Amino acid sequence: MKPIYLFLTLLFLLSVTTLIANVTLPDAKPNIWNYLSPLIILIVSPILIRLFKKIGIDISASVLEPILLKIIEIISNVEEKHAEKPGSQKKRLALISARSVLSKHEINILTRTFGSLDTAIQAAFEKSHFANK
């Protein structure tokens, strides 16, 4: 779970418990803001979560695109150097090259998005023009 979603979920839970405490505690001073602030948070939290999800999708796509272009370059180099080899060996060579060329951060992004580096290479291959040959 991303930290922002965790934060918003905790904020949501805090507002619910505050609202319950304000309603059930008889010795609390009656103040309209004690009742309204948790309700406002309850209404605004789902809207913020949706907004951050939409922003997160745009950000992840902009981060993912250059990494996939690097993988497409790796695939093209493997295609040029090892044209005579079968596809499974080319894919293995592309995987080895990608592990050496990409940073750990980039590999983590690909792993989170595609599940594994192998799947990310397959997705980049399908996106490249070599898949149409």
Protein backbone atom coordinates (compact mmCIF):
# COMPACT_ATOMS: atom_id res chain seq x y z
CA MET A 1 0.00 0.00 0.00
CA LYS A 2 1.35 3.41 -0.92
CA PRO A 3 2.13 5.76 1.99
CA ILE A 4 -0.42 8.38 0.93
CA TYR A 5 -3.24 5.83 0.90
CA LEU A 6 -2.14 4.53 4.28
CA PHE A 7 -2.10 8.08 5.63
CA LEU A 8 -5.56 8.84 4.29
CA THR A 9 -6.91 5.57 5.67
CA LEU A 10 -5.50 6.37 9.11
CA LEU A 11 -6.97 9.86 8.86
CA PHE A 12 -10.33 8.33 8.01
CA LEU A 13 -10.16 5.96 11.00
CA LEU A 14 -9.11 8.78 13.30
CA SER A 15 -12.07 10.88 12.22
CA VAL A 16 -14.48 8.00 12.80
CA THR A 17 -13.16 7.38 16.31
CA THR A 18 -13.26 11.11 17.08
CA LEU A 19 -16.86 11.29 15.92
CA ILE A 20 -17.80 8.28 18.05
CA ALA A 21 -16.01 9.73 21.07
CA ASN A 22 -17.77 13.09 20.66
CA VAL A 23 -21.15 11.45 20.45
CA THR A 24 -20.71 8.97 23.29
CA LEU A 25 -18.84 11.03 25.89
CA PRO A 26 -21.39 12.86 28.04
CA ASP A 27 -18.93 15.22 29.73
CA ALA A 28 -17.54 16.73 26.52
CA LYS A 29 -18.36 20.39 25.94
CA PRO A 30 -20.92 20.76 23.19
CA ASN A 31 -19.14 22.41 20.28
CA ILE A 32 -20.35 22.26 16.69
CA TRP A 33 -16.79 21.80 15.35
CA ASN A 34 -16.35 18.68 17.45
CA TYR A 35 -19.12 17.11 15.39
CA LEU A 36 -18.46 18.71 12.01
CA SER A 37 -14.71 18.19 11.66
CA PRO A 38 -14.85 14.38 11.58
CA LEU A 39 -17.78 14.51 9.18
CA ILE A 40 -15.89 16.86 6.87
CA ILE A 41 -12.90 14.52 6.94
CA LEU A 42 -15.18 11.56 6.21
CA ILE A 43 -16.54 13.35 3.16
CA VAL A 44 -13.22 14.71 1.88
CA SER A 45 -11.10 11.56 2.42
CA PRO A 46 -12.60 9.45 -0.39
CA ILE A 47 -12.37 12.40 -2.76
CA LEU A 48 -8.70 12.86 -1.90
CA ILE A 49 -8.02 9.15 -2.31
CA ARG A 50 -9.53 9.18 -5.81
CA LEU A 51 -7.58 12.30 -6.70
CA PHE A 52 -4.29 10.78 -5.55
CA LYS A 53 -5.02 7.56 -7.45
CA LYS A 54 -5.56 9.53 -10.63
CA ILE A 55 -2.41 11.55 -10.06
CA GLY A 56 -0.51 8.38 -9.22
CA ILE A 57 -1.49 6.77 -12.50
CA ASP A 58 -0.25 9.75 -14.49
CA ILE A 59 3.00 9.91 -12.56
CA SER A 60 3.68 6.19 -12.87
CA ALA A 61 3.06 6.29 -16.62
CA SER A 62 5.49 9.17 -17.05
CA VAL A 63 8.12 7.35 -14.97
CA LEU A 64 7.55 4.01 -16.68
CA GLU A 65 7.85 5.22 -20.27
CA PRO A 66 11.61 6.06 -20.27
CA ILE A 67 12.42 2.75 -18.58
CA LEU A 68 10.48 0.83 -21.22
CA LEU A 69 12.35 2.76 -23.92
CA LYS A 70 15.65 1.62 -22.38
CA ILE A 71 14.42 -1.97 -22.50
CA ILE A 72 13.40 -1.55 -26.14
CA GLU A 73 16.94 -0.35 -26.89
CA ILE A 74 18.33 -3.42 -25.12
CA ILE A 75 16.00 -5.65 -27.15
CA SER A 76 17.09 -4.00 -30.41
CA ASN A 77 20.76 -4.51 -29.51
CA VAL A 78 20.12 -8.18 -28.78
CA GLU A 79 18.18 -8.53 -32.05
CA GLU A 80 21.06 -7.02 -34.03
CA LYS A 81 23.87 -8.99 -32.36
CA HIS A 82 22.12 -12.34 -32.03
CA ALA A 83 19.75 -12.53 -34.99
CA GLU A 84 20.42 -16.23 -35.57
CA LYS A 85 19.41 -17.35 -32.05
CA PRO A 86 15.87 -18.46 -31.15
CA GLY A 87 13.48 -16.10 -29.36
CA SER A 88 13.81 -17.68 -25.92
CA GLN A 89 17.58 -17.21 -25.93
CA LYS A 90 17.22 -13.61 -27.12
CA LYS A 91 14.77 -12.96 -24.30
CA ARG A 92 17.20 -14.45 -21.78
CA LEU A 93 20.03 -12.30 -23.17
CA ALA A 94 17.79 -9.21 -22.98
CA LEU A 95 16.98 -10.09 -19.36
CA ILE A 96 20.67 -10.39 -18.48
CA SER A 97 21.46 -7.10 -20.24
CA ALA A 98 18.54 -5.33 -18.55
CA ARG A 99 19.73 -6.43 -15.10
CA SER A 100 23.16 -4.97 -15.81
CA VAL A 101 22.00 -1.73 -17.46
CA LEU A 102 18.99 -0.72 -15.35
CA SER A 103 19.35 0.68 -11.86
CA LYS A 104 17.82 -1.04 -8.82
CA HIS A 105 15.23 1.73 -8.60
CA GLU A 106 14.17 1.18 -12.21
CA ILE A 107 14.00 -2.59 -11.70
CA ASN A 108 11.85 -2.06 -8.60
CA ILE A 109 9.45 0.16 -10.57
CA LEU A 110 9.17 -2.47 -13.30
CA THR A 111 8.69 -5.24 -10.75
CA ARG A 112 5.92 -3.32 -8.98
CA THR A 113 4.20 -2.54 -12.26
CA PHE A 114 4.58 -5.82 -14.17
CA GLY A 115 5.27 -8.34 -11.42
CA SER A 116 8.72 -9.32 -12.69
CA LEU A 117 11.48 -8.03 -14.92
CA ASP A 118 10.81 -10.89 -17.33
CA THR A 119 7.21 -9.75 -17.80
CA ALA A 120 8.36 -6.14 -18.26
CA ILE A 121 10.72 -7.21 -21.03
CA GLN A 122 7.89 -9.11 -22.69
CA ALA A 123 5.66 -6.00 -22.47
CA ALA A 124 8.41 -3.80 -23.93
CA PHE A 125 8.97 -6.30 -26.73
CA GLU A 126 5.28 -6.29 -27.57
CA LYS A 127 5.35 -2.50 -27.59
CA SER A 128 8.37 -2.36 -29.91
CA HIS A 129 8.31 -2.74 -33.67
CA PHE A 130 10.14 -6.07 -33.44
CA ALA A 131 6.92 -7.73 -32.32
CA ASN A 132 5.38 -6.92 -35.70
CA LYS A 133 8.07 -8.84 -37.65
